């Protein structure tokens, strides 16, 4: 079980690092925000279809929308990328746990 958790944590950390790097390079335009937000929402909907949406993803999406409403598109894009990474991590978790539960040892 520790190997599974280690693999999950590495995957989550990698996704968050990639999202952070991508958001640092993003141009702070409204169009870029809308694209990033749509991608994050799509990933969150996929997580919902797997019945594994994380509350932190919804919070990041709300932060993105709030920043965009305030005209801070750099922060809005960064929050959207964070939400996308979190949604993808929740998708990964749902898919891996779909089969890994069979390997659990009943004591």
PDB file of N, CA and C in Angstrom:
ATOM      1  N   UNK A   1       0.825  -1.194   0.000  1.00  0.00           N
ATOM      2  CA  UNK A   1       0.000   0.000   0.000  1.00  0.00           C
ATOM      3  C   UNK A   1       0.863   1.249   0.000  1.00  0.00           C
ATOM      4  N   UNK A   2       2.039   1.204   0.618  1.00  0.00           N
ATOM      5  CA  UNK A   2       2.883   2.387   0.655  1.00  0.00           C
ATOM      6  C   UNK A   2       3.386   2.756  -0.734  1.00  0.00           C
ATOM      7  N   UNK A   3       3.642   1.776  -1.588  1.00  0.00           N
ATOM      8  CA  UNK A   3       4.078   2.073  -2.950  1.00  0.00           C
ATOM      9  C   UNK A   3       2.980   2.774  -3.735  1.00  0.00           C
ATOM     10  N   UNK A   4       1.753   2.387  -3.510  1.00  0.00           N
ATOM     11  CA  UNK A   4       0.619   3.005  -4.193  1.00  0.00           C
ATOM     12  C   UNK A   4       0.493   4.458  -3.770  1.00  0.00           C
ATOM     13  N   UNK A   5       0.585   4.718  -2.486  1.00  0.00           N
ATOM     14  CA  UNK A   5       0.483   6.082  -1.984  1.00  0.00           C
ATOM     15  C   UNK A   5       1.657   6.928  -2.467  1.00  0.00           C
ATOM     16  N   UNK A   6       2.847   6.341  -2.487  1.00  0.00           N
ATOM     17  CA  UNK A   6       4.022   7.069  -2.955  1.00  0.00           C
ATOM     18  C   UNK A   6       3.844   7.447  -4.419  1.00  0.00           C
ATOM     19  N   UNK A   7       3.351   6.515  -5.231  1.00  0.00           N
ATOM     20  CA  UNK A   7       3.130   6.778  -6.646  1.00  0.00           C
ATOM     21  C   UNK A   7       2.090   7.881  -6.828  1.00  0.00           C
ATOM     22  N   UNK A   8       1.044   7.839  -6.030  1.00  0.00           N
ATOM     23  CA  UNK A   8       0.000   8.863  -6.104  1.00  0.00           C
ATOM     24  C   UNK A   8       0.551  10.227  -5.742  1.00  0.00           C
ATOM     25  N   UNK A   9       1.328  10.310  -4.673  1.00  0.00           N
ATOM     26  CA  UNK A   9       1.881  11.584  -4.231  1.00  0.00           C
ATOM     27  C   UNK A   9       2.865  12.146  -5.254  1.00  0.00           C
ATOM     28  N   UNK A  10       3.654  11.290  -5.871  1.00  0.00           N
ATOM     29  CA  UNK A  10       4.577  11.747  -6.906  1.00  0.00           C
ATOM     30  C   UNK A  10       3.799  12.282  -8.099  1.00  0.00           C
ATOM     31  N   UNK A  11       2.745  11.587  -8.484  1.00  0.00           N
ATOM     32  CA  UNK A  11       1.929  12.042  -9.606  1.00  0.00           C
ATOM     33  C   UNK A  11       1.263  13.377  -9.307  1.00  0.00           C
ATOM     34  N   UNK A  12       0.723  13.526  -8.116  1.00  0.00           N
ATOM     35  CA  UNK A  12       0.082  14.784  -7.720  1.00  0.00           C
ATOM     36  C   UNK A  12       1.099  15.913  -7.685  1.00  0.00           C
ATOM     37  N   UNK A  13       2.260  15.658  -7.107  1.00  0.00           N
ATOM     38  CA  UNK A  13       3.297  16.689  -7.033  1.00  0.00           C
ATOM     39  C   UNK A  13       3.747  17.104  -8.427  1.00  0.00           C
ATOM     40  N   UNK A  14       3.923  16.137  -9.300  1.00  0.00           N
ATOM     41  CA  UNK A  14       4.332  16.445 -10.675  1.00  0.00           C
ATOM     42  C   UNK A  14       3.285  17.284 -11.385  1.00  0.00           C
ATOM     43  N   UNK A  15       2.030  16.923 -11.221  1.00  0.00           N
ATOM     44  CA  UNK A  15       0.960  17.674 -11.872  1.00  0.00           C
ATOM     45  C   UNK A  15       0.923  19.111 -11.372  1.00  0.00           C
ATOM     46  N   UNK A  16       1.085  19.302 -10.077  1.00  0.00           N
ATOM     47  CA  UNK A  16       1.071  20.655  -9.516  1.00  0.00           C
ATOM     48  C   UNK A  16       2.286  21.463  -9.965  1.00  0.00           C
ATOM     49  N   UNK A  17       3.449  20.822 -10.070  1.00  0.00           N
ATOM     50  CA  UNK A  17       4.633  21.532 -10.550  1.00  0.00           C
ATOM     51  C   UNK A  17       4.474  21.947 -12.008  1.00  0.00           C
ATOM     52  N   UNK A  18       3.943  21.064 -12.815  1.00  0.00           N
ATOM     53  CA  UNK A  18       3.719  21.379 -14.229  1.00  0.00           C
ATOM     54  C   UNK A  18       2.728  22.520 -14.352  1.00  0.00           C
ATOM     55  N   UNK A  19       1.671  22.474 -13.569  1.00  0.00           N
ATOM     56  CA  UNK A  19       0.665  23.541 -13.610  1.00  0.00           C
ATOM     57  C   UNK A  19       1.275  24.867 -13.182  1.00  0.00           C
ATOM     58  N   UNK A  20       2.125  24.841 -12.182  1.00  0.00           N
ATOM     59  CA  UNK A  20       2.767  26.065 -11.727  1.00  0.00           C
ATOM     60  C   UNK A  20       3.695  26.643 -12.778  1.00  0.00           C
ATOM     61  N   UNK A  21       4.457  25.791 -13.440  1.00  0.00           N
ATOM     62  CA  UNK A  21       5.361  26.257 -14.490  1.00  0.00           C
ATOM     63  C   UNK A  21       4.578  26.807 -15.673  1.00  0.00           C
ATOM     64  N   UNK A  22       3.514  26.134 -16.036  1.00  0.00           N
ATOM     65  CA  UNK A  22       2.700  26.595 -17.160  1.00  0.00           C
ATOM     66  C   UNK A  22       2.037  27.927 -16.847  1.00  0.00           C
ATOM     67  N   UNK A  23       1.588  28.088 -15.608  1.00  0.00           N
ATOM     68  CA  UNK A  23       0.925  29.349 -15.259  1.00  0.00           C
ATOM     69  C   UNK A  23       1.922  30.500 -15.213  1.00  0.00           C
ATOM     70  N   UNK A  24       3.174  30.214 -14.881  1.00  0.00           N
ATOM     71  CA  UNK A  24       4.180  31.267 -14.854  1.00  0.00           C
ATOM     72  C   UNK A  24       4.485  31.775 -16.257  1.00  0.00           C
ATOM     73  N   UNK A  25       4.318  30.908 -17.255  1.00  0.00           N
ATOM     74  CA  UNK A  25       4.593  31.279 -18.635  1.00  0.00           C
ATOM     75  C   UNK A  25       3.375  31.835 -19.360  1.00  0.00           C
ATOM     76  N   UNK A  26       2.218  31.738 -18.751  1.00  0.00           N
ATOM     77  CA  UNK A  26       0.979  32.127 -19.430  1.00  0.00           C
ATOM     78  C   UNK A  26       0.882  33.638 -19.595  1.00  0.00           C
ATOM     79  N   UNK A  27       0.422  34.027 -20.767  1.00  0.00           N
ATOM     80  CA  UNK A  27       0.157  35.452 -20.996  1.00  0.00           C
ATOM     81  C   UNK A  27      -1.159  35.778 -20.297  1.00  0.00           C
ATOM     82  N   UNK A  28      -1.194  36.888 -19.606  1.00  0.00           N
ATOM     83  CA  UNK A  28      -2.354  37.214 -18.791  1.00  0.00           C
ATOM     84  C   UNK A  28      -3.483  37.865 -19.563  1.00  0.00           C
ATOM     85  N   UNK A  29      -4.010  37.177 -20.542  1.00  0.00           N
ATOM     86  CA  UNK A  29      -5.117  37.742 -21.296  1.00  0.00           C
ATOM     87  C   UNK A  29      -6.426  37.049 -20.927  1.00  0.00           C
ATOM     88  N   UNK A  30      -7.500  37.722 -21.231  1.00  0.00           N
ATOM     89  CA  UNK A  30      -8.821  37.149 -20.963  1.00  0.00           C
ATOM     90  C   UNK A  30      -9.043  35.879 -21.783  1.00  0.00           C
ATOM     91  N   UNK A  31      -8.578  35.885 -23.024  1.00  0.00           N
ATOM     92  CA  UNK A  31      -8.737  34.702 -23.880  1.00  0.00           C
ATOM     93  C   UNK A  31      -7.965  33.512 -23.318  1.00  0.00           C
ATOM     94  N   UNK A  32      -6.754  33.771 -22.821  1.00  0.00           N
ATOM     95  CA  UNK A  32      -5.961  32.693 -22.222  1.00  0.00           C
ATOM     96  C   UNK A  32      -6.649  32.166 -20.972  1.00  0.00           C
ATOM     97  N   UNK A  33      -7.225  33.067 -20.183  1.00  0.00           N
ATOM     98  CA  UNK A  33      -7.960  32.636 -18.992  1.00  0.00           C
ATOM     99  C   UNK A  33      -9.140  31.753 -19.387  1.00  0.00           C
ATOM    100  N   UNK A  34      -9.926  32.198 -20.363  1.00  0.00           N
ATOM    101  CA  UNK A  34     -11.109  31.431 -20.764  1.00  0.00           C
ATOM    102  C   UNK A  34     -10.730  30.036 -21.234  1.00  0.00           C
ATOM    103  N   UNK A  35      -9.631  29.923 -21.964  1.00  0.00           N
ATOM    104  CA  UNK A  35      -9.176  28.612 -22.434  1.00  0.00           C
ATOM    105  C   UNK A  35      -8.738  27.739 -21.260  1.00  0.00           C
ATOM    106  N   UNK A  36      -7.955  28.319 -20.349  1.00  0.00           N
ATOM    107  CA  UNK A  36      -7.481  27.565 -19.185  1.00  0.00           C
ATOM    108  C   UNK A  36      -8.639  27.147 -18.293  1.00  0.00           C
ATOM    109  N   UNK A  37      -9.605  28.049 -18.109  1.00  0.00           N
ATOM    110  CA  UNK A  37     -10.754  27.759 -17.255  1.00  0.00           C
ATOM    111  C   UNK A  37     -11.617  26.650 -17.867  1.00  0.00           C
ATOM    112  N   UNK A  38     -11.817  26.712 -19.181  1.00  0.00           N
ATOM    113  CA  UNK A  38     -12.616  25.680 -19.857  1.00  0.00           C
ATOM    114  C   UNK A  38     -11.956  24.312 -19.741  1.00  0.00           C
ATOM    115  N   UNK A  39     -10.643  24.271 -19.863  1.00  0.00           N
ATOM    116  CA  UNK A  39      -9.914  23.008 -19.724  1.00  0.00           C
ATOM    117  C   UNK A  39     -10.051  22.463 -18.307  1.00  0.00           C
ATOM    118  N   UNK A  40      -9.937  23.349 -17.324  1.00  0.00           N
ATOM    119  CA  UNK A  40     -10.066  22.931 -15.923  1.00  0.00           C
ATOM    120  C   UNK A  40     -11.476  22.443 -15.624  1.00  0.00           C
ATOM    121  N   UNK A  41     -12.472  23.152 -16.133  1.00  0.00           N
ATOM    122  CA  UNK A  41     -13.857  22.721 -15.928  1.00  0.00           C
ATOM    123  C   UNK A  41     -14.120  21.354 -16.566  1.00  0.00           C
ATOM    124  N   UNK A  42     -13.576  21.130 -17.751  1.00  0.00           N
ATOM    125  CA  UNK A  42     -13.761  19.844 -18.427  1.00  0.00           C
ATOM    126  C   UNK A  42     -13.142  18.709 -17.613  1.00  0.00           C
ATOM    127  N   UNK A  43     -11.945  18.942 -17.079  1.00  0.00           N
ATOM    128  CA  UNK A  43     -11.301  17.920 -16.252  1.00  0.00           C
ATOM    129  C   UNK A  43     -12.107  17.682 -14.979  1.00  0.00           C
ATOM    130  N   UNK A  44     -12.645  18.742 -14.396  1.00  0.00           N
ATOM    131  CA  UNK A  44     -13.452  18.597 -13.187  1.00  0.00           C
ATOM    132  C   UNK A  44     -14.741  17.825 -13.478  1.00  0.00           C
ATOM    133  N   UNK A  45     -15.337  18.051 -14.636  1.00  0.00           N
ATOM    134  CA  UNK A  45     -16.538  17.298 -15.010  1.00  0.00           C
ATOM    135  C   UNK A  45     -16.215  15.815 -15.198  1.00  0.00           C
ATOM    136  N   UNK A  46     -15.034  15.540 -15.760  1.00  0.00           N
ATOM    137  CA  UNK A  46     -14.621  14.141 -15.921  1.00  0.00           C
ATOM    138  C   UNK A  46     -14.443  13.484 -14.549  1.00  0.00           C
ATOM    139  N   UNK A  47     -13.858  14.218 -13.622  1.00  0.00           N
ATOM    140  CA  UNK A  47     -13.713  13.709 -12.250  1.00  0.00           C
ATOM    141  C   UNK A  47     -15.087  13.469 -11.634  1.00  0.00           C
ATOM    142  N   UNK A  48     -16.025  14.347 -11.917  1.00  0.00           N
ATOM    143  CA  UNK A  48     -17.390  14.178 -11.415  1.00  0.00           C
ATOM    144  C   UNK A  48     -18.050  12.936 -11.978  1.00  0.00           C
ATOM    145  N   UNK A  49     -17.790  12.665 -13.242  1.00  0.00           N
ATOM    146  CA  UNK A  49     -18.344  11.461 -13.863  1.00  0.00           C
ATOM    147  C   UNK A  49     -17.791  10.202 -13.197  1.00  0.00           C
ATOM    148  N   UNK A  50     -16.577  10.308 -12.667  1.00  0.00           N
ATOM    149  CA  UNK A  50     -15.966   9.188 -11.945  1.00  0.00           C
ATOM    150  C   UNK A  50     -16.324   9.197 -10.460  1.00  0.00           C
ATOM    151  N   UNK A  51     -17.156  10.160 -10.080  1.00  0.00           N
ATOM    152  CA  UNK A  51     -17.611  10.324  -8.703  1.00  0.00           C
ATOM    153  C   UNK A  51     -16.441  10.553  -7.750  1.00  0.00           C
ATOM    154  N   UNK A  52     -15.505  11.419  -8.196  1.00  0.00           N
ATOM    155  CA  UNK A  52     -14.323  11.692  -7.382  1.00  0.00           C
ATOM    156  C   UNK A  52     -13.881  13.146  -7.532  1.00  0.00           C
ATOM    157  N   UNK A  53     -14.822  14.070  -7.414  1.00  0.00           N
ATOM    158  CA  UNK A  53     -14.467  15.476  -7.450  1.00  0.00           C
ATOM    159  C   UNK A  53     -13.920  15.891  -6.093  1.00  0.00           C
ATOM    160  N   UNK A  54     -12.851  16.673  -6.110  1.00  0.00           N
ATOM    161  CA  UNK A  54     -12.258  17.159  -4.880  1.00  0.00           C
ATOM    162  C   UNK A  54     -12.770  18.571  -4.607  1.00  0.00           C
ATOM    163  N   UNK A  55     -12.991  18.871  -3.331  1.00  0.00           N
ATOM    164  CA  UNK A  55     -13.479  20.207  -2.967  1.00  0.00           C
ATOM    165  C   UNK A  55     -12.433  21.282  -3.247  1.00  0.00           C
ATOM    166  N   UNK A  56     -11.157  20.932  -3.170  1.00  0.00           N
ATOM    167  CA  UNK A  56     -10.112  21.919  -3.445  1.00  0.00           C
ATOM    168  C   UNK A  56     -10.113  22.338  -4.915  1.00  0.00           C
ATOM    169  N   UNK A  57     -10.576  21.443  -5.781  1.00  0.00           N
ATOM    170  CA  UNK A  57     -10.681  21.787  -7.203  1.00  0.00           C
ATOM    171  C   UNK A  57     -11.757  22.851  -7.388  1.00  0.00           C
ATOM    172  N   UNK A  58     -12.892  22.660  -6.736  1.00  0.00           N
ATOM    173  CA  UNK A  58     -13.970  23.650  -6.823  1.00  0.00           C
ATOM    174  C   UNK A  58     -13.512  24.991  -6.255  1.00  0.00           C
ATOM    175  N   UNK A  59     -12.737  24.958  -5.199  1.00  0.00           N
ATOM    176  CA  UNK A  59     -12.229  26.200  -4.602  1.00  0.00           C
ATOM    177  C   UNK A  59     -11.271  26.905  -5.563  1.00  0.00           C
ATOM    178  N   UNK A  60     -10.416  26.152  -6.238  1.00  0.00           N
ATOM    179  CA  UNK A  60      -9.483  26.749  -7.201  1.00  0.00           C
ATOM    180  C   UNK A  60     -10.240  27.344  -8.389  1.00  0.00           C
ATOM    181  N   UNK A  61     -11.299  26.672  -8.834  1.00  0.00           N
ATOM    182  CA  UNK A  61     -12.123  27.215  -9.917  1.00  0.00           C
ATOM    183  C   UNK A  61     -12.803  28.514  -9.479  1.00  0.00           C
ATOM    184  N   UNK A  62     -13.292  28.539  -8.253  1.00  0.00           N
ATOM    185  CA  UNK A  62     -13.929  29.750  -7.726  1.00  0.00           C
ATOM    186  C   UNK A  62     -12.915  30.889  -7.608  1.00  0.00           C
ATOM    187  N   UNK A  63     -11.700  30.567  -7.177  1.00  0.00           N
ATOM    188  CA  UNK A  63     -10.641  31.578  -7.093  1.00  0.00           C
ATOM    189  C   UNK A  63     -10.310  32.134  -8.478  1.00  0.00           C
ATOM    190  N   UNK A  64     -10.291  31.246  -9.465  1.00  0.00           N
ATOM    191  CA  UNK A  64      -9.998  31.671 -10.835  1.00  0.00           C
ATOM    192  C   UNK A  64     -11.057  32.641 -11.344  1.00  0.00           C
ATOM    193  N   UNK A  65     -12.299  32.295 -11.104  1.00  0.00           N
ATOM    194  CA  UNK A  65     -13.397  33.151 -11.554  1.00  0.00           C
ATOM    195  C   UNK A  65     -13.355  34.502 -10.839  1.00  0.00           C
ATOM    196  N   UNK A  66     -13.076  34.485  -9.543  1.00  0.00           N
ATOM    197  CA  UNK A  66     -13.009  35.719  -8.759  1.00  0.00           C
ATOM    198  C   UNK A  66     -11.879  36.619  -9.272  1.00  0.00           C
ATOM    199  N   UNK A  67     -10.721  36.024  -9.544  1.00  0.00           N
ATOM    200  CA  UNK A  67      -9.591  36.800 -10.052  1.00  0.00           C
ATOM    201  C   UNK A  67      -9.900  37.378 -11.430  1.00  0.00           C
ATOM    202  N   UNK A  68     -10.556  36.603 -12.270  1.00  0.00           N
ATOM    203  CA  UNK A  68     -10.915  37.089 -13.608  1.00  0.00           C
ATOM    204  C   UNK A  68     -11.907  38.232 -13.518  1.00  0.00           C
ATOM    205  N   UNK A  69     -12.871  38.109 -12.615  1.00  0.00           N
ATOM    206  CA  UNK A  69     -13.852  39.180 -12.428  1.00  0.00           C
ATOM    207  C   UNK A  69     -13.185  40.481 -11.970  1.00  0.00           C
ATOM    208  N   UNK A  70     -12.073  40.336 -11.236  1.00  0.00           N
ATOM    209  CA  UNK A  70     -11.332  41.501 -10.765  1.00  0.00           C
ATOM    210  C   UNK A  70     -10.338  42.011 -11.810  1.00  0.00           C
ATOM    211  N   UNK A  71     -10.238  41.300 -12.937  1.00  0.00           N
ATOM    212  CA  UNK A  71      -9.335  41.718 -14.001  1.00  0.00           C
ATOM    213  C   UNK A  71      -7.906  41.228 -13.850  1.00  0.00           C
ATOM    214  N   UNK A  72      -7.646  40.383 -12.856  1.00  0.00           N
ATOM    215  CA  UNK A  72      -6.304  39.827 -12.628  1.00  0.00           C
ATOM    216  C   UNK A  72      -6.197  38.498 -13.371  1.00  0.00           C
ATOM    217  N   UNK A  73      -5.930  38.589 -14.680  1.00  0.00           N
ATOM    218  CA  UNK A  73      -5.936  37.391 -15.508  1.00  0.00           C
ATOM    219  C   UNK A  73      -4.733  36.496 -15.263  1.00  0.00           C
ATOM    220  N   UNK A  74      -3.613  37.060 -14.808  1.00  0.00           N
ATOM    221  CA  UNK A  74      -2.466  36.209 -14.459  1.00  0.00           C
ATOM    222  C   UNK A  74      -2.850  35.259 -13.326  1.00  0.00           C
ATOM    223  N   UNK A  75      -3.464  35.800 -12.267  1.00  0.00           N
ATOM    224  CA  UNK A  75      -3.891  34.966 -11.138  1.00  0.00           C
ATOM    225  C   UNK A  75      -5.020  34.030 -11.557  1.00  0.00           C
ATOM    226  N   UNK A  76      -5.911  34.496 -12.407  1.00  0.00           N
ATOM    227  CA  UNK A  76      -7.025  33.669 -12.871  1.00  0.00           C
ATOM    228  C   UNK A  76      -6.516  32.462 -13.652  1.00  0.00           C
ATOM    229  N   UNK A  77      -5.520  32.690 -14.478  1.00  0.00           N
ATOM    230  CA  UNK A  77      -4.932  31.589 -15.253  1.00  0.00           C
ATOM    231  C   UNK A  77      -4.221  30.619 -14.317  1.00  0.00           C
ATOM    232  N   UNK A  78      -3.464  31.157 -13.360  1.00  0.00           N
ATOM    233  CA  UNK A  78      -2.745  30.300 -12.406  1.00  0.00           C
ATOM    234  C   UNK A  78      -3.719  29.438 -11.609  1.00  0.00           C
ATOM    235  N   UNK A  79      -4.816  30.023 -11.159  1.00  0.00           N
ATOM    236  CA  UNK A  79      -5.817  29.255 -10.406  1.00  0.00           C
ATOM    237  C   UNK A  79      -6.502  28.224 -11.288  1.00  0.00           C
ATOM    238  N   UNK A  80      -6.725  28.563 -12.548  1.00  0.00           N
ATOM    239  CA  UNK A  80      -7.329  27.612 -13.482  1.00  0.00           C
ATOM    240  C   UNK A  80      -6.405  26.425 -13.712  1.00  0.00           C
ATOM    241  N   UNK A  81      -5.111  26.702 -13.880  1.00  0.00           N
ATOM    242  CA  UNK A  81      -4.132  25.619 -14.077  1.00  0.00           C
ATOM    243  C   UNK A  81      -4.046  24.742 -12.831  1.00  0.00           C
ATOM    244  N   UNK A  82      -4.116  25.374 -11.658  1.00  0.00           N
ATOM    245  CA  UNK A  82      -4.106  24.603 -10.413  1.00  0.00           C
ATOM    246  C   UNK A  82      -5.337  23.704 -10.333  1.00  0.00           C
ATOM    247  N   UNK A  83      -6.488  24.247 -10.690  1.00  0.00           N
ATOM    248  CA  UNK A  83      -7.728  23.461 -10.679  1.00  0.00           C
ATOM    249  C   UNK A  83      -7.637  22.294 -11.654  1.00  0.00           C
ATOM    250  N   UNK A  84      -7.057  22.544 -12.819  1.00  0.00           N
ATOM    251  CA  UNK A  84      -6.894  21.465 -13.805  1.00  0.00           C
ATOM    252  C   UNK A  84      -5.996  20.357 -13.258  1.00  0.00           C
ATOM    253  N   UNK A  85      -4.887  20.738 -12.640  1.00  0.00           N
ATOM    254  CA  UNK A  85      -3.966  19.741 -12.072  1.00  0.00           C
ATOM    255  C   UNK A  85      -4.640  18.933 -10.970  1.00  0.00           C
ATOM    256  N   UNK A  86      -5.401  19.603 -10.128  1.00  0.00           N
ATOM    257  CA  UNK A  86      -6.111  18.905  -9.054  1.00  0.00           C
ATOM    258  C   UNK A  86      -7.168  17.953  -9.624  1.00  0.00           C
ATOM    259  N   UNK A  87      -7.890  18.414 -10.638  1.00  0.00           N
ATOM    260  CA  UNK A  87      -8.906  17.557 -11.253  1.00  0.00           C
ATOM    261  C   UNK A  87      -8.261  16.332 -11.892  1.00  0.00           C
ATOM    262  N   UNK A  88      -7.144  16.542 -12.562  1.00  0.00           N
ATOM    263  CA  UNK A  88      -6.451  15.407 -13.189  1.00  0.00           C
ATOM    264  C   UNK A  88      -5.917  14.436 -12.140  1.00  0.00           C
ATOM    265  N   UNK A  89      -5.467  14.968 -11.007  1.00  0.00           N
ATOM    266  CA  UNK A  89      -5.008  14.090  -9.924  1.00  0.00           C
ATOM    267  C   UNK A  89      -6.165  13.289  -9.353  1.00  0.00           C
ATOM    268  N   UNK A  90      -7.344  13.904  -9.252  1.00  0.00           N
ATOM    269  CA  UNK A  90      -8.504  13.167  -8.742  1.00  0.00           C
ATOM    270  C   UNK A  90      -8.952  12.103  -9.742  1.00  0.00           C
ATOM    271  N   UNK A  91      -8.802  12.385 -11.023  1.00  0.00           N
ATOM    272  CA  UNK A  91      -9.113  11.389 -12.054  1.00  0.00           C
ATOM    273  C   UNK A  91      -8.146  10.217 -11.939  1.00  0.00           C
ATOM    274  N   UNK A  92      -6.861  10.543 -11.787  1.00  0.00           N
ATOM    275  CA  UNK A  92      -5.848   9.498 -11.622  1.00  0.00           C
ATOM    276  C   UNK A  92      -6.161   8.638 -10.404  1.00  0.00           C
ATOM    277  N   UNK A  93      -6.523   9.290  -9.315  1.00  0.00           N
ATOM    278  CA  UNK A  93      -6.848   8.556  -8.093  1.00  0.00           C
ATOM    279  C   UNK A  93      -8.021   7.618  -8.322  1.00  0.00           C
ATOM    280  N   UNK A  94      -9.070   8.122  -8.941  1.00  0.00           N
ATOM    281  CA  UNK A  94     -10.261   7.290  -9.169  1.00  0.00           C
ATOM    282  C   UNK A  94      -9.936   6.091 -10.050  1.00  0.00           C
ATOM    283  N   UNK A  95      -9.156   6.333 -11.091  1.00  0.00           N
ATOM    284  CA  UNK A  95      -8.830   5.244 -12.013  1.00  0.00           C
ATOM    285  C   UNK A  95      -7.903   4.218 -11.377  1.00  0.00           C
ATOM    286  N   UNK A  96      -6.938   4.673 -10.591  1.00  0.00           N
ATOM    287  CA  UNK A  96      -6.025   3.717  -9.971  1.00  0.00           C
ATOM    288  C   UNK A  96      -6.714   2.929  -8.868  1.00  0.00           C
ATOM    289  N   UNK A  97      -7.577   3.583  -8.104  1.00  0.00           N
ATOM    290  CA  UNK A  97      -8.265   2.873  -7.023  1.00  0.00           C
ATOM    291  C   UNK A  97      -9.331   1.915  -7.540  1.00  0.00           C
ATOM    292  N   UNK A  98      -9.742   2.113  -8.771  1.00  0.00           N
ATOM    293  CA  UNK A  98     -10.738   1.238  -9.373  1.00  0.00           C
ATOM    294  C   UNK A  98     -10.264  -0.219  -9.400  1.00  0.00           C
ATOM    295  N   UNK A  99      -8.967  -0.404  -9.578  1.00  0.00           N
ATOM    296  CA  UNK A  99      -8.407  -1.752  -9.629  1.00  0.00           C
ATOM    297  C   UNK A  99      -7.563  -2.098  -8.396  1.00  0.00           C
ATOM    298  N   UNK A 100      -6.932  -1.110  -7.822  1.00  0.00           N
ATOM    299  CA  UNK A 100      -6.001  -1.380  -6.732  1.00  0.00           C
ATOM    300  C   UNK A 100      -6.667  -1.880  -5.460  1.00  0.00           C
ATOM    301  N   UNK A 101      -7.927  -1.609  -5.275  1.00  0.00           N
ATOM    302  CA  UNK A 101      -8.605  -2.063  -4.067  1.00  0.00           C
ATOM    303  C   UNK A 101      -8.582  -3.590  -3.983  1.00  0.00           C
ATOM    304  N   UNK A 102      -8.487  -4.239  -5.145  1.00  0.00           N
ATOM    305  CA  UNK A 102      -8.479  -5.711  -5.164  1.00  0.00           C
ATOM    306  C   UNK A 102      -7.207  -6.274  -4.540  1.00  0.00           C
ATOM    307  N   UNK A 103      -6.163  -5.452  -4.475  1.00  0.00           N
ATOM    308  CA  UNK A 103      -4.898  -5.913  -3.923  1.00  0.00           C
ATOM    309  C   UNK A 103      -4.804  -5.753  -2.408  1.00  0.00           C
ATOM    310  N   UNK A 104      -5.797  -5.126  -1.810  1.00  0.00           N
ATOM    311  CA  UNK A 104      -5.778  -4.917  -0.362  1.00  0.00           C
ATOM    312  C   UNK A 104      -5.853  -6.253   0.369  1.00  0.00           C
ATOM    313  N   UNK A 105      -5.132  -6.325   1.442  1.00  0.00           N
ATOM    314  CA  UNK A 105      -5.113  -7.538   2.257  1.00  0.00           C
ATOM    315  C   UNK A 105      -6.100  -7.369   3.404  1.00  0.00           C
ATOM    316  N   UNK A 106      -7.002  -8.268   3.520  1.00  0.00           N
ATOM    317  CA  UNK A 106      -7.981  -8.222   4.606  1.00  0.00           C
ATOM    318  C   UNK A 106      -7.346  -8.891   5.820  1.00  0.00           C
ATOM    319  N   UNK A 107      -7.365  -8.182   6.913  1.00  0.00           N
ATOM    320  CA  UNK A 107      -6.729  -8.730   8.140  1.00  0.00           C
ATOM    321  C   UNK A 107      -7.770  -9.056   9.159  1.00  0.00           C
TER     322      UNK A 107
END
